[in-house]
C-alpha atoms as a PDB file:
ATOM      1  CA  VAL A   1    -100.045 -33.640  23.526  1.00  0.00           C
ATOM      2  CA  ILE A   2    -100.855 -30.052  24.187  1.00  0.00           C
ATOM      3  CA  ARG A   3    -100.368 -27.948  20.730  1.00  0.00           C
ATOM      4  CA  ASP A   4     -98.683 -24.434  21.388  1.00  0.00           C
ATOM      5  CA  ARG A   5    -101.836 -22.193  19.793  1.00  0.00           C
ATOM      6  CA  SER A   6     -99.106 -18.944  20.628  1.00  0.00           C
ATOM      7  CA  GLU A   7     -98.327 -16.115  18.376  1.00  0.00           C
ATOM      8  CA  GLU A   8     -94.420 -17.335  18.203  1.00  0.00           C
ATOM      9  CA  ALA A   9     -95.347 -20.811  17.453  1.00  0.00           C
ATOM     10  CA  GLN A  10     -97.811 -19.447  14.659  1.00  0.00           C
ATOM     11  CA  TRP A  11     -95.164 -17.236  13.193  1.00  0.00           C
ATOM     12  CA  ALA A  12     -92.608 -19.792  13.819  1.00  0.00           C
ATOM     13  CA  GLN A  13     -94.708 -22.563  11.522  1.00  0.00           C
ATOM     14  CA  LEU A  14     -95.157 -19.663   8.817  1.00  0.00           C
ATOM     15  CA  LYS A  15     -91.573 -19.029   8.208  1.00  0.00           C
ATOM     16  CA  SER A  16     -90.920 -22.961   8.053  1.00  0.00           C
ATOM     17  CA  ASP A  17     -93.704 -23.273   5.475  1.00  0.00           C
ATOM     18  CA  ALA A  18     -92.164 -20.070   3.619  1.00  0.00           C
ATOM     19  CA  ALA A  19     -88.895 -21.457   3.055  1.00  0.00           C
ATOM     20  CA  SER A  20     -89.600 -24.457   2.206  1.00  0.00           C
ATOM     21  CA  GLU A  21     -92.120 -23.277  -0.662  1.00  0.00           C
ATOM     22  CA  GLY A  22     -88.817 -21.439  -1.406  1.00  0.00           C
ATOM     23  CA  GLU A  23     -86.767 -24.123  -1.964  1.00  0.00           C
ATOM     24  CA  GLY A  24     -89.177 -25.471  -4.113  1.00  0.00           C
ATOM     25  CA  ASN A  25     -89.060 -22.592  -6.424  1.00  0.00           C
ATOM     26  CA  ASN A  26     -85.256 -22.716  -7.311  1.00  0.00           C
ATOM     27  CA  ALA A  27     -85.198 -25.871  -7.373  1.00  0.00           C
ATOM     28  CA  GLU A  28     -88.058 -26.282 -10.382  1.00  0.00           C
ATOM     29  CA  LEU A  29     -85.989 -23.257 -11.935  1.00  0.00           C
ATOM     30  CA  GLY A  30     -82.282 -24.294 -11.305  1.00  0.00           C
ATOM     31  CA  LEU A  31     -81.287 -21.687  -9.613  1.00  0.00           C
ATOM     32  CA  ASN A  32     -78.270 -21.840  -6.615  1.00  0.00           C
ATOM     33  CA  PRO A  33     -79.488 -19.651  -3.843  1.00  0.00           C
ATOM     34  CA  ASP A  34     -75.958 -18.123  -3.195  1.00  0.00           C
ATOM     35  CA  GLU A  35     -76.188 -16.914  -6.575  1.00  0.00           C
ATOM     36  CA  LEU A  36     -78.839 -14.798  -6.259  1.00  0.00           C
ATOM     37  CA  THR A  37     -77.580 -10.955  -4.612  1.00  0.00           C
ATOM     38  CA  LEU A  38     -79.080  -7.420  -5.383  1.00  0.00           C
ATOM     39  CA  LEU A  39     -75.765  -7.151  -7.498  1.00  0.00           C
ATOM     40  CA  GLY A  40     -77.364  -9.039 -10.684  1.00  0.00           C
ATOM     41  CA  LEU A  41     -80.227  -6.112 -10.581  1.00  0.00           C
ATOM     42  CA  GLU A  42     -77.492  -2.995 -10.881  1.00  0.00           C
ATOM     43  CA  PRO A  43     -78.520  -1.131 -13.434  1.00  0.00           C
ATOM     44  CA  ALA A  44     -75.938  -0.376 -16.303  1.00  0.00           C
ATOM     45  CA  TRP A  45     -74.505   2.900 -15.897  1.00  0.00           C
ATOM     46  CA  SER A  46     -73.313   4.941 -19.034  1.00  0.00           C
ATOM     47  CA  ARG A  47     -69.920   5.853 -18.648  1.00  0.00           C
ATOM     48  CA  PRO A  48     -68.369   7.618 -21.493  1.00  0.00           C
ATOM     49  CA  VAL A  49     -64.419   7.867 -22.244  1.00  0.00           C
ATOM     50  CA  PRO A  50     -62.905  10.769 -21.043  1.00  0.00           C
ATOM     51  CA  PRO A  51     -61.520  13.224 -23.861  1.00  0.00           C
ATOM     52  CA  VAL A  52     -57.507  12.989 -24.054  1.00  0.00           C
ATOM     53  CA  LEU A  53     -56.402  16.922 -23.545  1.00  0.00           C
ATOM     54  CA  GLU A  54     -53.842  18.332 -26.125  1.00  0.00           C
ATOM     55  CA  PRO A  55     -50.633  18.856 -24.049  1.00  0.00           C
ATOM     56  CA  GLY A  56     -49.750  23.216 -24.516  1.00  0.00           C
ATOM     57  CA  THR A  57     -46.504  24.707 -25.475  1.00  0.00           C
ATOM     58  CA  ASP A  58     -45.980  25.567 -21.972  1.00  0.00           C
ATOM     59  CA  GLU A  59     -46.005  21.908 -20.393  1.00  0.00           C
ATOM     60  CA  VAL A  60     -43.341  19.724 -19.544  1.00  0.00           C
ATOM     61  CA  PHE A  61     -43.099  16.520 -21.907  1.00  0.00           C
ATOM     62  CA  TRP A  62     -42.293  13.130 -20.025  1.00  0.00           C
ATOM     63  CA  LEU A  63     -39.739  11.146 -22.181  1.00  0.00           C
ATOM     64  CA  SER A  64     -39.523   7.394 -22.329  1.00  0.00           C
ATOM     65  CA  PRO A  65     -36.055   6.840 -24.241  1.00  0.00           C
ATOM     66  CA  PRO A  66     -35.949   2.926 -25.303  1.00  0.00           C
ATOM     67  CA  TYR A  67     -32.482   3.280 -23.900  1.00  0.00           C
ATOM     68  CA  VAL A  68     -30.159   4.818 -21.670  1.00  0.00           C
ATOM     69  CA  LEU A  69     -29.151   8.120 -22.783  1.00  0.00           C
ATOM     70  CA  CYS A  70     -25.889   8.400 -20.860  1.00  0.00           C
ATOM     71  CA  GLU A  71     -23.733   6.125 -18.616  1.00  0.00           C
ATOM     72  CA  PRO A  72     -23.629   7.185 -15.403  1.00  0.00           C
ATOM     73  CA  MET A  73     -20.670   8.844 -14.154  1.00  0.00           C
ATOM     74  CA  TRP A  74     -18.746   7.272 -10.806  1.00  0.00           C
ATOM     75  CA  ASP A  75     -16.760   8.461  -8.542  1.00  0.00           C
ATOM     76  CA  TYR A  76     -14.056   6.184  -7.856  1.00  0.00           C
ATOM     77  CA  THR A  77     -12.045   8.293  -5.478  1.00  0.00           C
ATOM     78  CA  MET A  78     -14.807   8.282  -2.945  1.00  0.00           C
ATOM     79  CA  CYS A  79     -14.096   6.248   0.196  1.00  0.00           C
ATOM     80  CA  ALA A  80     -10.503   5.757  -1.485  1.00  0.00           C
ATOM     81  CA  ASP A  81      -7.350   5.662   0.477  1.00  0.00           C
ATOM     82  CA  THR A  82      -5.361   8.346  -0.710  1.00  0.00           C
ATOM     83  CA  SER A  83      -2.537   8.188   1.874  1.00  0.00           C
ATOM     84  CA  LEU A  84       0.926   8.497   0.962  1.00  0.00           C
ATOM     85  CA  GLY A  85       1.105   4.919   1.778  1.00  0.00           C
ATOM     86  CA  SER A  86      -1.267   3.793  -0.593  1.00  0.00           C
ATOM     87  CA  GLU A  87       0.203   5.666  -3.075  1.00  0.00           C
ATOM     88  CA  VAL A  88       3.710   4.158  -2.895  1.00  0.00           C
ATOM     89  CA  ARG A  89       1.989   0.795  -2.307  1.00  0.00           C
ATOM     90  CA  GLU A  90       0.318   1.005  -5.566  1.00  0.00           C
ATOM     91  CA  LEU A  91       3.209   2.416  -7.461  1.00  0.00           C
ATOM     92  CA  ILE A  92       5.142  -0.445  -5.787  1.00  0.00           C
ATOM     93  CA  THR A  93       2.792  -2.683  -7.676  1.00  0.00           C
ATOM     94  CA  LYS A  94       3.437  -1.249 -10.976  1.00  0.00           C
ATOM     95  CA  ALA A  95       7.226  -1.193 -10.670  1.00  0.00           C
ATOM     96  CA  VAL A  96       7.528  -5.044 -10.414  1.00  0.00           C
ATOM     97  CA  LYS A  97       5.488  -5.713 -13.228  1.00  0.00           C
ATOM     98  CA  ALA A  98       6.921  -2.396 -15.627  1.00  0.00           C
ATOM     99  CA  PRO A  99       9.309  -0.047 -15.846  1.00  0.00           C
ATOM    100  CA  LEU A 100       7.951   3.680 -14.030  1.00  0.00           C
ATOM    101  CA  VAL A 101       8.239   7.321 -15.485  1.00  0.00           C
ATOM    102  CA  SER A 102      10.889   9.280 -13.674  1.00  0.00           C
ATOM    103  CA  SER A 103       7.914  11.460 -12.056  1.00  0.00           C
ATOM    104  CA  GLN A 104       6.872   7.850 -10.296  1.00  0.00           C
ATOM    105  CA  GLN A 105      10.035   6.325  -9.294  1.00  0.00           C
ATOM    106  CA  GLN A 106      10.806  10.365  -7.298  1.00  0.00           C
ATOM    107  CA  VAL A 107       6.798   9.188  -5.591  1.00  0.00           C
ATOM    108  CA  ILE A 108       8.743   6.391  -4.464  1.00  0.00           C
ATOM    109  CA  LEU A 109      11.800   7.660  -3.261  1.00  0.00           C
ATOM    110  CA  ALA A 110      10.345  10.918  -1.764  1.00  0.00           C
ATOM    111  CA  GLY A 111       7.987   8.389   0.136  1.00  0.00           C
ATOM    112  CA  LEU A 112      10.397   6.290   1.711  1.00  0.00           C
ATOM    113  CA  GLU A 113      12.273   8.963   2.404  1.00  0.00           C
ATOM    114  CA  GLN A 114       9.939  10.747   4.390  1.00  0.00           C
ATOM    115  CA  ASP A 115       8.498   7.358   6.402  1.00  0.00           C
ATOM    116  CA  ALA A 116      11.566   4.491   6.193  1.00  0.00           C
ATOM    117  CA  LYS A 117       8.767   2.111   7.636  1.00  0.00           C
ATOM    118  CA  LEU A 118       6.809   2.109   4.545  1.00  0.00           C
ATOM    119  CA  VAL A 119       9.050  -0.643   3.009  1.00  0.00           C
ATOM    120  CA  TYR A 120       7.485  -3.025   5.119  1.00  0.00           C
ATOM    121  CA  HIS A 121       4.268  -2.359   4.422  1.00  0.00           C
ATOM    122  CA  CYS A 122       4.698  -1.480   0.440  1.00  0.00           C
ATOM    123  CA  GLY A 123       3.876  -5.052  -0.431  1.00  0.00           C
ATOM    124  CA  LEU A 124       7.754  -6.146  -2.063  1.00  0.00           C
ATOM    125  CA  THR A 125       7.789  -9.712  -0.657  1.00  0.00           C
ATOM    126  CA  PRO A 126      11.557 -11.659  -1.473  1.00  0.00           C
ATOM    127  CA  ARG A 127      10.064 -13.336  -4.191  1.00  0.00           C
ATOM    128  CA  LYS A 128       8.815 -10.415  -6.271  1.00  0.00           C
ATOM    129  CA  LEU A 129      12.375  -8.772  -5.880  1.00  0.00           C
ATOM    130  CA  PRO A 130      14.002  -9.971  -9.026  1.00  0.00           C
ATOM    131  CA  ASP A 131      11.246  -8.490 -11.260  1.00  0.00           C
ATOM    132  CA  LEU A 132      11.711  -5.540  -9.399  1.00  0.00           C
ATOM    133  CA  VAL A 133      15.507  -5.548 -10.106  1.00  0.00           C
ATOM    134  CA  GLU A 134      14.729  -5.913 -13.490  1.00  0.00           C
ATOM    135  CA  ASN A 135      12.213  -3.631 -14.698  1.00  0.00           C
ATOM    136  CA  ASN A 136      13.316  -0.997 -11.748  1.00  0.00           C
ATOM    137  CA  PRO A 137      16.768  -1.223 -10.281  1.00  0.00           C
ATOM    138  CA  SER A 138      17.054   2.181  -8.657  1.00  0.00           C
ATOM    139  CA  ILE A 139      13.258   1.304  -6.614  1.00  0.00           C
ATOM    140  CA  ALA A 140      14.991  -1.745  -5.576  1.00  0.00           C
ATOM    141  CA  ILE A 141      18.611  -0.341  -4.713  1.00  0.00           C
ATOM    142  CA  GLU A 142      16.466   1.886  -2.418  1.00  0.00           C
ATOM    143  CA  VAL A 143      14.122  -0.603  -0.806  1.00  0.00           C
ATOM    144  CA  LEU A 144      16.866  -2.565   0.207  1.00  0.00           C
ATOM    145  CA  LEU A 145      18.939   0.062   1.656  1.00  0.00           C
ATOM    146  CA  LYS A 146      15.930   0.406   4.264  1.00  0.00           C
ATOM    147  CA  LEU A 147      15.564  -3.109   4.730  1.00  0.00           C
ATOM    148  CA  MET A 148      19.103  -3.683   5.693  1.00  0.00           C
ATOM    149  CA  SER A 149      18.252  -3.589   9.082  1.00  0.00           C
ATOM    150  CA  SER A 150      15.789  -5.971   8.942  1.00  0.00           C
ATOM    151  CA  SER A 151      15.640  -9.365  10.163  1.00  0.00           C
ATOM    152  CA  GLN A 152      13.973 -10.312   6.795  1.00  0.00           C
ATOM    153  CA  ILE A 153      16.945  -8.538   4.157  1.00  0.00           C
ATOM    154  CA  THR A 154      18.310 -12.606   4.212  1.00  0.00           C
ATOM    155  CA  GLY A 155      15.188 -13.699   2.102  1.00  0.00           C
ATOM    156  CA  TYR A 156      16.065 -10.880  -0.290  1.00  0.00           C
ATOM    157  CA  PHE A 157      19.575 -11.569  -0.692  1.00  0.00           C
ATOM    158  CA  SER A 158      18.936 -14.950  -1.329  1.00  0.00           C
ATOM    159  CA  GLU A 159      16.739 -14.125  -4.294  1.00  0.00           C
ATOM    160  CA  LEU A 160      19.251 -11.823  -5.439  1.00  0.00           C
ATOM    161  CA  VAL A 161      21.941 -13.813  -5.372  1.00  0.00           C
ATOM    162  CA  ASN A 162      19.664 -17.073  -7.406  1.00  0.00           C
ATOM    163  CA  MET A 163      18.008 -14.901  -9.902  1.00  0.00           C
ATOM    164  CA  GLU A 164      19.307 -14.501 -13.298  1.00  0.00           C
ATOM    165  CA  MET A 165      22.160 -12.808 -13.850  1.00  0.00           C
ATOM    166  CA  SER A 166      21.841  -9.390 -15.702  1.00  0.00           C
ATOM    167  CA  LEU A 167      23.526  -6.119 -15.911  1.00  0.00           C
ATOM    168  CA  HIS A 168      20.506  -4.515 -13.755  1.00  0.00           C
ATOM    169  CA  SER A 169      21.162  -7.196 -10.877  1.00  0.00           C
ATOM    170  CA  MET A 170      25.034  -6.547 -11.146  1.00  0.00           C
ATOM    171  CA  GLU A 171      24.387  -2.603 -10.942  1.00  0.00           C
ATOM    172  CA  VAL A 172      22.280  -2.941  -7.588  1.00  0.00           C
ATOM    173  CA  VAL A 173      24.700  -5.421  -5.829  1.00  0.00           C
ATOM    174  CA  ASN A 174      27.618  -2.929  -7.028  1.00  0.00           C
ATOM    175  CA  ARG A 175      25.396  -0.121  -5.821  1.00  0.00           C
ATOM    176  CA  LEU A 176      24.796  -1.874  -2.488  1.00  0.00           C
ATOM    177  CA  THR A 177      28.061  -2.788  -1.883  1.00  0.00           C
ATOM    178  CA  THR A 178      29.547   0.905  -2.209  1.00  0.00           C
ATOM    179  CA  ALA A 179      26.549   2.092   0.142  1.00  0.00           C
ATOM    180  CA  VAL A 180      26.654  -0.795   3.015  1.00  0.00           C
ATOM    181  CA  ASP A 181      28.534  -3.269   4.059  1.00  0.00           C
ATOM    182  CA  LEU A 182      27.163  -6.631   2.465  1.00  0.00           C
ATOM    183  CA  PRO A 183      27.891  -9.648   4.166  1.00  0.00           C
ATOM    184  CA  THR A 184      31.090 -11.660   2.593  1.00  0.00           C
ATOM    185  CA  GLU A 185      29.666 -15.014   1.768  1.00  0.00           C
ATOM    186  CA  PHE A 186      26.785 -12.920  -0.002  1.00  0.00           C
ATOM    187  CA  VAL A 187      29.471 -11.082  -2.444  1.00  0.00           C
ATOM    188  CA  HIS A 188      31.392 -14.111  -2.616  1.00  0.00           C
ATOM    189  CA  LEU A 189      28.052 -16.258  -3.986  1.00  0.00           C
ATOM    190  CA  TYR A 190      27.111 -13.892  -6.047  1.00  0.00           C
ATOM    191  CA  ILE A 191      30.444 -13.697  -7.540  1.00  0.00           C
ATOM    192  CA  SER A 192      30.784 -17.439  -7.972  1.00  0.00           C
ATOM    193  CA  ASN A 193      27.024 -17.347  -9.887  1.00  0.00           C
ATOM    194  CA  CYS A 194      28.106 -14.902 -12.603  1.00  0.00           C
ATOM    195  CA  ILE A 195      31.072 -16.793 -13.522  1.00  0.00           C
ATOM    196  CA  SER A 196      28.896 -20.449 -13.556  1.00  0.00           C
ATOM    197  CA  SER A 197      26.334 -18.274 -14.874  1.00  0.00           C
ATOM    198  CA  CYS A 198      29.100 -16.773 -18.242  1.00  0.00           C
ATOM    199  CA  GLU A 199      30.392 -20.320 -18.582  1.00  0.00           C
ATOM    200  CA  ASN A 200      26.898 -22.207 -18.957  1.00  0.00           C
ATOM    201  CA  ILE A 201      25.610 -19.735 -21.520  1.00  0.00           C
ATOM    202  CA  LYS A 202      25.228 -21.487 -24.980  1.00  0.00           C
ATOM    203  CA  ASP A 203      24.958 -18.007 -27.012  1.00  0.00           C
ATOM    204  CA  LYS A 204      28.229 -16.874 -28.353  1.00  0.00           C
ATOM    205  CA  TYR A 205      27.545 -13.384 -28.291  1.00  0.00           C
ATOM    206  CA  MET A 206      25.289 -13.661 -25.482  1.00  0.00           C
ATOM    207  CA  GLN A 207      28.296 -15.384 -23.317  1.00  0.00           C
ATOM    208  CA  ASN A 208      30.758 -12.859 -24.496  1.00  0.00           C
ATOM    209  CA  ARG A 209      28.333  -9.841 -23.569  1.00  0.00           C
ATOM    210  CA  LEU A 210      27.683 -10.835 -19.817  1.00  0.00           C
ATOM    211  CA  VAL A 211      31.683 -11.602 -19.636  1.00  0.00           C
ATOM    212  CA  ARG A 212      32.723  -8.177 -20.468  1.00  0.00           C
ATOM    213  CA  LEU A 213      30.367  -7.291 -17.709  1.00  0.00           C
ATOM    214  CA  VAL A 214      31.176  -9.842 -14.945  1.00  0.00           C
ATOM    215  CA  CYS A 215      35.060  -8.326 -15.565  1.00  0.00           C
ATOM    216  CA  VAL A 216      33.783  -4.994 -14.994  1.00  0.00           C
ATOM    217  CA  PHE A 217      31.963  -5.566 -12.421  1.00  0.00           C
ATOM    218  CA  LEU A 218      34.583  -7.465 -10.790  1.00  0.00           C
ATOM    219  CA  GLN A 219      37.509  -4.778 -11.415  1.00  0.00           C
ATOM    220  CA  SER A 220      35.044  -2.094  -9.894  1.00  0.00           C
ATOM    221  CA  LEU A 221      34.621  -4.463  -6.478  1.00  0.00           C
ATOM    222  CA  ILE A 222      38.276  -5.055  -6.852  1.00  0.00           C
ATOM    223  CA  ARG A 223      40.025  -1.509  -7.207  1.00  0.00           C
ATOM    224  CA  ASN A 224      37.431  -0.321  -4.543  1.00  0.00           C
ATOM    225  CA  LYS A 225      38.423  -3.021  -2.086  1.00  0.00           C
ATOM    226  CA  ILE A 226      35.180  -4.545  -1.455  1.00  0.00           C
ATOM    227  CA  ILE A 227      36.239  -7.917  -1.591  1.00  0.00           C
ATOM    228  CA  ASN A 228      39.657  -9.470  -0.785  1.00  0.00           C
ATOM    229  CA  VAL A 229      41.259 -10.702  -3.896  1.00  0.00           C
ATOM    230  CA  GLN A 230      42.976 -13.797  -2.401  1.00  0.00           C
ATOM    231  CA  ASP A 231      39.482 -14.893  -1.260  1.00  0.00           C
ATOM    232  CA  LEU A 232      38.536 -15.865  -4.678  1.00  0.00           C
ATOM    233  CA  PHE A 233      41.907 -15.363  -6.669  1.00  0.00           C
ATOM    234  CA  ILE A 234      41.937 -18.969  -8.047  1.00  0.00           C
ATOM    235  CA  GLU A 235      38.489 -19.178  -9.611  1.00  0.00           C
ATOM    236  CA  VAL A 236      38.871 -15.790 -10.568  1.00  0.00           C
ATOM    237  CA  GLN A 237      41.824 -16.020 -12.379  1.00  0.00           C
ATOM    238  CA  ALA A 238      40.941 -19.815 -14.392  1.00  0.00           C
ATOM    239  CA  PHE A 239      37.615 -17.178 -15.202  1.00  0.00           C
ATOM    240  CA  CYS A 240      39.985 -14.776 -17.050  1.00  0.00           C
ATOM    241  CA  ILE A 241      42.478 -17.521 -18.579  1.00  0.00           C
ATOM    242  CA  GLU A 242      39.393 -19.261 -20.053  1.00  0.00           C
ATOM    243  CA  PHE A 243      38.161 -15.975 -21.515  1.00  0.00           C
ATOM    244  CA  SER A 244      41.474 -14.350 -22.115  1.00  0.00           C
ATOM    245  CA  ARG A 245      40.248 -13.460 -26.009  1.00  0.00           C
ATOM    246  CA  ILE A 246      37.725 -11.191 -24.572  1.00  0.00           C
ATOM    247  CA  ARG A 247      39.668  -7.964 -23.913  1.00  0.00           C
ATOM    248  CA  GLU A 248      37.851  -6.770 -20.560  1.00  0.00           C
ATOM    249  CA  ALA A 249      39.022 -10.564 -18.758  1.00  0.00           C
ATOM    250  CA  ALA A 250      42.700 -10.431 -19.989  1.00  0.00           C
ATOM    251  CA  SER A 251      42.589  -6.356 -18.463  1.00  0.00           C
ATOM    252  CA  LEU A 252      41.808  -8.169 -15.327  1.00  0.00           C
ATOM    253  CA  PHE A 253      43.762 -10.879 -15.421  1.00  0.00           C
ATOM    254  CA  ARG A 254      46.514  -8.617 -15.460  1.00  0.00           C
ATOM    255  CA  LEU A 255      44.925  -6.659 -12.551  1.00  0.00           C
ATOM    256  CA  LEU A 256      44.992  -9.950 -10.842  1.00  0.00           C
ATOM    257  CA  LYS A 257      49.023 -10.154 -11.482  1.00  0.00           C
ATOM    258  CA  THR A 258      49.283  -7.153 -10.250  1.00  0.00           C
ATOM    259  CA  LEU A 259      47.575  -7.148  -7.043  1.00  0.00           C
ATOM    260  CA  GLU A 260      49.455 -10.787  -6.691  1.00  0.00           C
ATOM    261  CA  ASN A 261      53.272  -9.382  -7.162  1.00  0.00           C
ATOM    262  CA  PRO A 262      52.830  -5.548  -5.999  1.00  0.00           C
ATOM    263  CA  GLN A 263      55.635  -3.622  -7.298  1.00  0.00           C
ATOM    264  CA  PRO A 264      58.270  -2.442  -4.157  1.00  0.00           C
END
């Protein structure tokens, strides 16, 4: 074996011996070579706390309140539909639930007069009509008049006929009969329902009140020639005889006899 006697070989041998000696010393001292860094020899510099400057009278103070001093004011009108149709729809929704003041009614009437097609987009369905009749009969009349040429009018008539009889419902029907030609079967069915309601009510006070209303309503239809009394003569006559103790019923009965036997 030929031994390498070059300077590089001697330097590699010395380096290997030094590394072996260093590892032995670290093992004896119980040190980890990875923990031996120059940072551990960094001197401790003195760092005094910076002084707090007293605020001057001309400086602005930063306030940190523990609670919100005021609530934000939202602008609910931003991006809102302020068109006439939107206003009419909103008022119709309110009219179904409660009576409107005169100014609100005028807004609806003016809107329907300006654009008759609003009646198809105001959100009033046949099911909501009875509530509108009870709370705002004048609005119900105008809406029904605008819907007369619509194919949906039959559904509104059906709800009007089947709703509970009241002064407002009779007012609506009476106004409609004087304004337009209503279907004869609708008028006859409504009259029959009114008579039936008077006969079935148990409260005597309410019964007398409704009988008076129906009698006045029938006299108005007969005198204005809205109905042919002969078509309902038997039913109306029986109604008058049953409630003959009421003055309006007796007056209606005399009117029937006058029409049955006209004077020459």
